Every structure is written in C-alpha cells, then in structure tokens.
Amino acid sequence: MKKVLIATAFSLAFGAANAADIVDTAKSAGTFNTLVAAVQAAGLVDTLKGPGPFTVFAPTDEAFAKIPKAKLDALLKDKAALTKVLTYHVVPGKVMAADVKPGAVKSVQGSNLTVTAAGGKVMVDKAHVVKTDIAADNGVIHVIDTVVMPK
C-alpha cells in the first residue's frame, strides 16, 4: 500500500502519463475527499468521468473546512445548490496554466469566474491557485485554497 501511495504522489507531482479521469485523479490525490464526496452527492461523478475535456478549479479539504460546518452540511444536502457551486468550479476545455489569461471565464454553471494574476500569483475569484496542471485523461485540475461561490 505504501508503494502505491508513493507512486501516486510521484505521478501527481511529476505529471506522469495520464492514467485516470478527473474524479479518479482527485480521489488518488488524497486532498480532495470533501470535493469527491460533494461530487458524489450532487450526482456529477458520471459527468466528470465523461470525455470532457474539463478544467477543474479544485478546492482542497482545507478549503472546504473554511466553510462553517452548518453551512457546508446544508449545502451537501441541497443537491441543486451543491450542483450550482460545483459546476461553478468547472470550465469547459483543457486549460493548462500557461494558457490561462486574466479576465472573465465562463464556467459550466453559466456564471463567469474572474481570473487575476499579480506578482506571480494567480487567483480565481477570491481563491489562490496553489498548484497547477494536474493532468487527467479528460482534462486538468488546478488546486485552489478556497471554495468559490457563484454570484
């Protein structure tokens, strides 16, 4: 088991050959447990396992922990609201970090995300992008430190 975890860590860290879809890539990272549970609760697993391609701005477990527990629990029970929030984190197409341009980007949810770059830091709405270009068979994941909410 330890060897599998180490191999997974190296695969993610060094962008090895794509071997999993967005959902499986997020699961294997081990830092997106809340996101994966939310995707399951919203019924979006099949979509994010589909052909895509998708760009996902993925909040970590720590990002979800910033949301007050009562509010997060309510969100996880409200499938429509949860779907709206989760699809706001997804952009159609595979957009690698080098291709990201500041400005408005239309999310799958329908509202625009605002991408800004200053001092070598990239933000999506009020979330900092902390890791980029985690490749998956059907897209790419960029890790963010805050759950962004549609306007």
C-alpha atoms as a PDB file:
ATOM      1  CA  MET A   1       0.000   0.000   0.000  1.00  0.00           C
ATOM      2  CA  LYS A   2       2.819   2.361   0.889  1.00  0.00           C
ATOM      3  CA  LYS A   3       4.395   1.791  -2.542  1.00  0.00           C
ATOM      4  CA  VAL A   4       1.085   2.601  -4.253  1.00  0.00           C
ATOM      5  CA  LEU A   5       0.759   5.874  -2.323  1.00  0.00           C
ATOM      6  CA  ILE A   6       4.334   6.851  -3.124  1.00  0.00           C
ATOM      7  CA  ALA A   7       3.841   6.017  -6.806  1.00  0.00           C
ATOM      8  CA  THR A   8       0.633   8.057  -6.866  1.00  0.00           C
ATOM      9  CA  ALA A   9       2.374  11.001  -5.218  1.00  0.00           C
ATOM     10  CA  PHE A  10       5.187  10.869  -7.777  1.00  0.00           C
ATOM     11  CA  SER A  11       2.708  10.591 -10.645  1.00  0.00           C
ATOM     12  CA  LEU A  12       0.861  13.699  -9.484  1.00  0.00           C
ATOM     13  CA  ALA A  13       3.988  15.624  -8.621  1.00  0.00           C
ATOM     14  CA  PHE A  14       5.789  14.931 -11.870  1.00  0.00           C
ATOM     15  CA  GLY A  15       2.845  14.860 -14.291  1.00  0.00           C
ATOM     16  CA  ALA A  16       3.348  11.289 -15.398  1.00  0.00           C
ATOM     17  CA  ALA A  17       1.333   9.837 -18.246  1.00  0.00           C
ATOM     18  CA  ASN A  18      -2.380  10.384 -17.899  1.00  0.00           C
ATOM     19  CA  ALA A  19      -3.929   7.308 -16.353  1.00  0.00           C
ATOM     20  CA  ALA A  20      -7.181   8.433 -14.724  1.00  0.00           C
ATOM     21  CA  ASP A  21     -10.151  10.717 -15.248  1.00  0.00           C
ATOM     22  CA  ILE A  22     -10.799  13.875 -13.210  1.00  0.00           C
ATOM     23  CA  VAL A  23     -12.679  12.023 -10.438  1.00  0.00           C
ATOM     24  CA  ASP A  24     -10.142   9.208 -10.030  1.00  0.00           C
ATOM     25  CA  THR A  25      -7.254  11.684 -10.160  1.00  0.00           C
ATOM     26  CA  ALA A  26      -8.879  13.744  -7.400  1.00  0.00           C
ATOM     27  CA  LYS A  27      -9.545  10.616  -5.325  1.00  0.00           C
ATOM     28  CA  SER A  28      -5.974   9.384  -5.607  1.00  0.00           C
ATOM     29  CA  ALA A  29      -4.516  12.750  -4.586  1.00  0.00           C
ATOM     30  CA  GLY A  30      -5.960  12.298  -1.089  1.00  0.00           C
ATOM     31  CA  THR A  31      -6.524  16.029  -0.512  1.00  0.00           C
ATOM     32  CA  PHE A  32      -9.915  16.319  -2.234  1.00  0.00           C
ATOM     33  CA  ASN A  33     -12.025  13.969  -0.090  1.00  0.00           C
ATOM     34  CA  THR A  34     -14.719  16.591   0.577  1.00  0.00           C
ATOM     35  CA  LEU A  35     -14.811  17.599  -3.090  1.00  0.00           C
ATOM     36  CA  VAL A  36     -15.189  13.967  -4.188  1.00  0.00           C
ATOM     37  CA  ALA A  37     -17.965  13.416  -1.610  1.00  0.00           C
ATOM     38  CA  ALA A  38     -19.710  16.570  -2.851  1.00  0.00           C
ATOM     39  CA  VAL A  39     -19.413  15.461  -6.488  1.00  0.00           C
ATOM     40  CA  GLN A  40     -20.964  12.120  -5.491  1.00  0.00           C
ATOM     41  CA  ALA A  41     -23.774  13.825  -3.504  1.00  0.00           C
ATOM     42  CA  ALA A  42     -24.567  16.081  -6.480  1.00  0.00           C
ATOM     43  CA  GLY A  43     -24.659  13.152  -8.907  1.00  0.00           C
ATOM     44  CA  LEU A  44     -21.845  14.599 -11.033  1.00  0.00           C
ATOM     45  CA  VAL A  45     -19.481  11.604 -10.985  1.00  0.00           C
ATOM     46  CA  ASP A  46     -20.543  10.271 -14.401  1.00  0.00           C
ATOM     47  CA  THR A  47     -20.261  13.745 -15.933  1.00  0.00           C
ATOM     48  CA  LEU A  48     -16.734  14.304 -14.610  1.00  0.00           C
ATOM     49  CA  LYS A  49     -15.762  10.790 -15.685  1.00  0.00           C
ATOM     50  CA  GLY A  50     -17.061  11.609 -19.183  1.00  0.00           C
ATOM     51  CA  PRO A  51     -14.975  12.545 -22.205  1.00  0.00           C
ATOM     52  CA  GLY A  52     -14.694  16.246 -21.348  1.00  0.00           C
ATOM     53  CA  PRO A  53     -12.298  17.837 -21.588  1.00  0.00           C
ATOM     54  CA  PHE A  54     -12.754  19.770 -18.351  1.00  0.00           C
ATOM     55  CA  THR A  55     -10.683  22.237 -16.376  1.00  0.00           C
ATOM     56  CA  VAL A  56     -11.497  21.927 -12.684  1.00  0.00           C
ATOM     57  CA  PHE A  57     -10.513  24.516 -10.091  1.00  0.00           C
ATOM     58  CA  ALA A  58     -10.486  22.022  -7.235  1.00  0.00           C
ATOM     59  CA  PRO A  59     -10.798  23.184  -3.630  1.00  0.00           C
ATOM     60  CA  THR A  60      -8.829  21.120  -1.130  1.00  0.00           C
ATOM     61  CA  ASP A  61     -10.269  19.627   2.039  1.00  0.00           C
ATOM     62  CA  GLU A  62      -8.757  22.614   3.881  1.00  0.00           C
ATOM     63  CA  ALA A  63     -10.676  24.953   1.555  1.00  0.00           C
ATOM     64  CA  PHE A  64     -13.950  23.218   2.409  1.00  0.00           C
ATOM     65  CA  ALA A  65     -13.022  23.421   6.116  1.00  0.00           C
ATOM     66  CA  LYS A  66     -13.177  27.236   5.846  1.00  0.00           C
ATOM     67  CA  ILE A  67     -16.950  26.955   5.309  1.00  0.00           C
ATOM     68  CA  PRO A  68     -18.845  26.864   8.632  1.00  0.00           C
ATOM     69  CA  LYS A  69     -19.919  23.261   9.332  1.00  0.00           C
ATOM     70  CA  ALA A  70     -23.649  24.021   9.450  1.00  0.00           C
ATOM     71  CA  LYS A  71     -23.476  25.842   6.090  1.00  0.00           C
ATOM     72  CA  LEU A  72     -21.422  23.042   4.486  1.00  0.00           C
ATOM     73  CA  ASP A  73     -23.766  20.353   5.827  1.00  0.00           C
ATOM     74  CA  ALA A  74     -26.778  22.260   4.448  1.00  0.00           C
ATOM     75  CA  LEU A  75     -25.051  22.667   1.077  1.00  0.00           C
ATOM     76  CA  LEU A  76     -24.230  18.945   0.878  1.00  0.00           C
ATOM     77  CA  LYS A  77     -27.926  18.136   1.463  1.00  0.00           C
ATOM     78  CA  ASP A  78     -29.239  20.605  -1.165  1.00  0.00           C
ATOM     79  CA  LYS A  79     -28.466  18.874  -4.465  1.00  0.00           C
ATOM     80  CA  ALA A  80     -29.484  21.839  -6.655  1.00  0.00           C
ATOM     81  CA  ALA A  81     -27.390  24.358  -4.701  1.00  0.00           C
ATOM     82  CA  LEU A  82     -24.474  21.925  -4.477  1.00  0.00           C
ATOM     83  CA  THR A  83     -24.566  21.293  -8.231  1.00  0.00           C
ATOM     84  CA  LYS A  84     -24.549  25.054  -8.852  1.00  0.00           C
ATOM     85  CA  VAL A  85     -21.489  25.534  -6.635  1.00  0.00           C
ATOM     86  CA  LEU A  86     -19.578  22.549  -8.028  1.00  0.00           C
ATOM     87  CA  THR A  87     -20.226  23.348 -11.700  1.00  0.00           C
ATOM     88  CA  TYR A  88     -19.025  26.908 -10.988  1.00  0.00           C
ATOM     89  CA  HIS A  89     -15.590  25.335 -10.381  1.00  0.00           C
ATOM     90  CA  VAL A  90     -15.534  23.725 -13.854  1.00  0.00           C
ATOM     91  CA  VAL A  91     -14.611  25.334 -17.169  1.00  0.00           C
ATOM     92  CA  PRO A  92     -15.160  23.540 -20.491  1.00  0.00           C
ATOM     93  CA  GLY A  93     -11.962  22.507 -22.259  1.00  0.00           C
ATOM     94  CA  LYS A  94      -8.493  21.639 -21.028  1.00  0.00           C
ATOM     95  CA  VAL A  95      -6.844  24.907 -19.980  1.00  0.00           C
ATOM     96  CA  MET A  96      -3.276  24.451 -18.823  1.00  0.00           C
ATOM     97  CA  ALA A  97      -1.650  27.069 -16.570  1.00  0.00           C
ATOM     98  CA  ALA A  98       0.416  28.504 -19.437  1.00  0.00           C
ATOM     99  CA  ASP A  99      -2.824  29.148 -21.369  1.00  0.00           C
ATOM    100  CA  VAL A 100      -4.680  30.931 -18.548  1.00  0.00           C
ATOM    101  CA  LYS A 101      -5.321  34.600 -19.256  1.00  0.00           C
ATOM    102  CA  PRO A 102      -6.643  37.176 -16.774  1.00  0.00           C
ATOM    103  CA  GLY A 103     -10.276  38.121 -17.225  1.00  0.00           C
ATOM    104  CA  ALA A 104     -13.709  36.567 -17.181  1.00  0.00           C
ATOM    105  CA  VAL A 105     -14.006  32.833 -17.876  1.00  0.00           C
ATOM    106  CA  LYS A 106     -17.403  31.185 -18.365  1.00  0.00           C
ATOM    107  CA  SER A 107     -17.976  28.254 -16.019  1.00  0.00           C
ATOM    108  CA  VAL A 108     -20.089  25.193 -16.770  1.00  0.00           C
ATOM    109  CA  GLN A 109     -22.586  26.612 -14.234  1.00  0.00           C
ATOM    110  CA  GLY A 110     -23.095  29.605 -16.551  1.00  0.00           C
ATOM    111  CA  SER A 111     -21.615  32.439 -14.487  1.00  0.00           C
ATOM    112  CA  ASN A 112     -18.200  33.934 -15.108  1.00  0.00           C
ATOM    113  CA  LEU A 113     -15.202  33.200 -12.906  1.00  0.00           C
ATOM    114  CA  THR A 114     -12.749  36.089 -12.623  1.00  0.00           C
ATOM    115  CA  VAL A 115      -9.121  35.145 -13.165  1.00  0.00           C
ATOM    116  CA  THR A 116      -6.481  37.610 -11.987  1.00  0.00           C
ATOM    117  CA  ALA A 117      -2.695  37.465 -11.943  1.00  0.00           C
ATOM    118  CA  ALA A 118      -0.388  39.714  -9.948  1.00  0.00           C
ATOM    119  CA  GLY A 119       3.088  39.252  -8.535  1.00  0.00           C
ATOM    120  CA  GLY A 120       3.341  35.731  -9.878  1.00  0.00           C
ATOM    121  CA  LYS A 121       0.139  34.686  -8.078  1.00  0.00           C
ATOM    122  CA  VAL A 122      -2.987  33.572  -9.907  1.00  0.00           C
ATOM    123  CA  MET A 123      -6.436  33.878  -8.355  1.00  0.00           C
ATOM    124  CA  VAL A 124      -9.842  32.579  -9.378  1.00  0.00           C
ATOM    125  CA  ASP A 125     -12.400  34.886  -7.799  1.00  0.00           C
ATOM    126  CA  LYS A 126     -11.088  35.075  -4.206  1.00  0.00           C
ATOM    127  CA  ALA A 127      -9.238  31.738  -4.271  1.00  0.00           C
ATOM    128  CA  HIS A 128      -5.491  31.409  -4.752  1.00  0.00           C
ATOM    129  CA  VAL A 129      -4.323  28.810  -7.241  1.00  0.00           C
ATOM    130  CA  VAL A 130      -1.804  26.798  -5.208  1.00  0.00           C
ATOM    131  CA  LYS A 131      -0.937  24.027  -7.692  1.00  0.00           C
ATOM    132  CA  THR A 132      -1.484  23.750 -11.421  1.00  0.00           C
ATOM    133  CA  ASP A 133      -1.624  21.287 -14.266  1.00  0.00           C
ATOM    134  CA  ILE A 134      -2.569  18.032 -12.549  1.00  0.00           C
ATOM    135  CA  ALA A 135      -3.304  16.124 -15.731  1.00  0.00           C
ATOM    136  CA  ALA A 136      -6.160  13.659 -16.149  1.00  0.00           C
ATOM    137  CA  ASP A 137      -7.350  11.675 -19.155  1.00  0.00           C
ATOM    138  CA  ASN A 138     -10.310  14.017 -19.623  1.00  0.00           C
ATOM    139  CA  GLY A 139      -8.893  17.356 -18.542  1.00  0.00           C
ATOM    140  CA  VAL A 140      -6.810  19.116 -15.930  1.00  0.00           C
ATOM    141  CA  ILE A 141      -7.076  20.084 -12.264  1.00  0.00           C
ATOM    142  CA  HIS A 142      -5.792  23.338 -10.772  1.00  0.00           C
ATOM    143  CA  VAL A 143      -5.817  23.319  -6.960  1.00  0.00           C
ATOM    144  CA  ILE A 144      -7.386  26.285  -5.136  1.00  0.00           C
ATOM    145  CA  ASP A 145      -7.356  27.205  -1.451  1.00  0.00           C
ATOM    146  CA  THR A 146     -10.952  28.460  -1.139  1.00  0.00           C
ATOM    147  CA  VAL A 147     -14.361  27.239  -2.307  1.00  0.00           C
ATOM    148  CA  VAL A 148     -15.647  29.859  -4.759  1.00  0.00           C
ATOM    149  CA  MET A 149     -19.352  30.638  -4.814  1.00  0.00           C
ATOM    150  CA  PRO A 150     -21.355  31.720  -7.856  1.00  0.00           C
ATOM    151  CA  LYS A 151     -22.569  35.285  -7.852  1.00  0.00           C
END
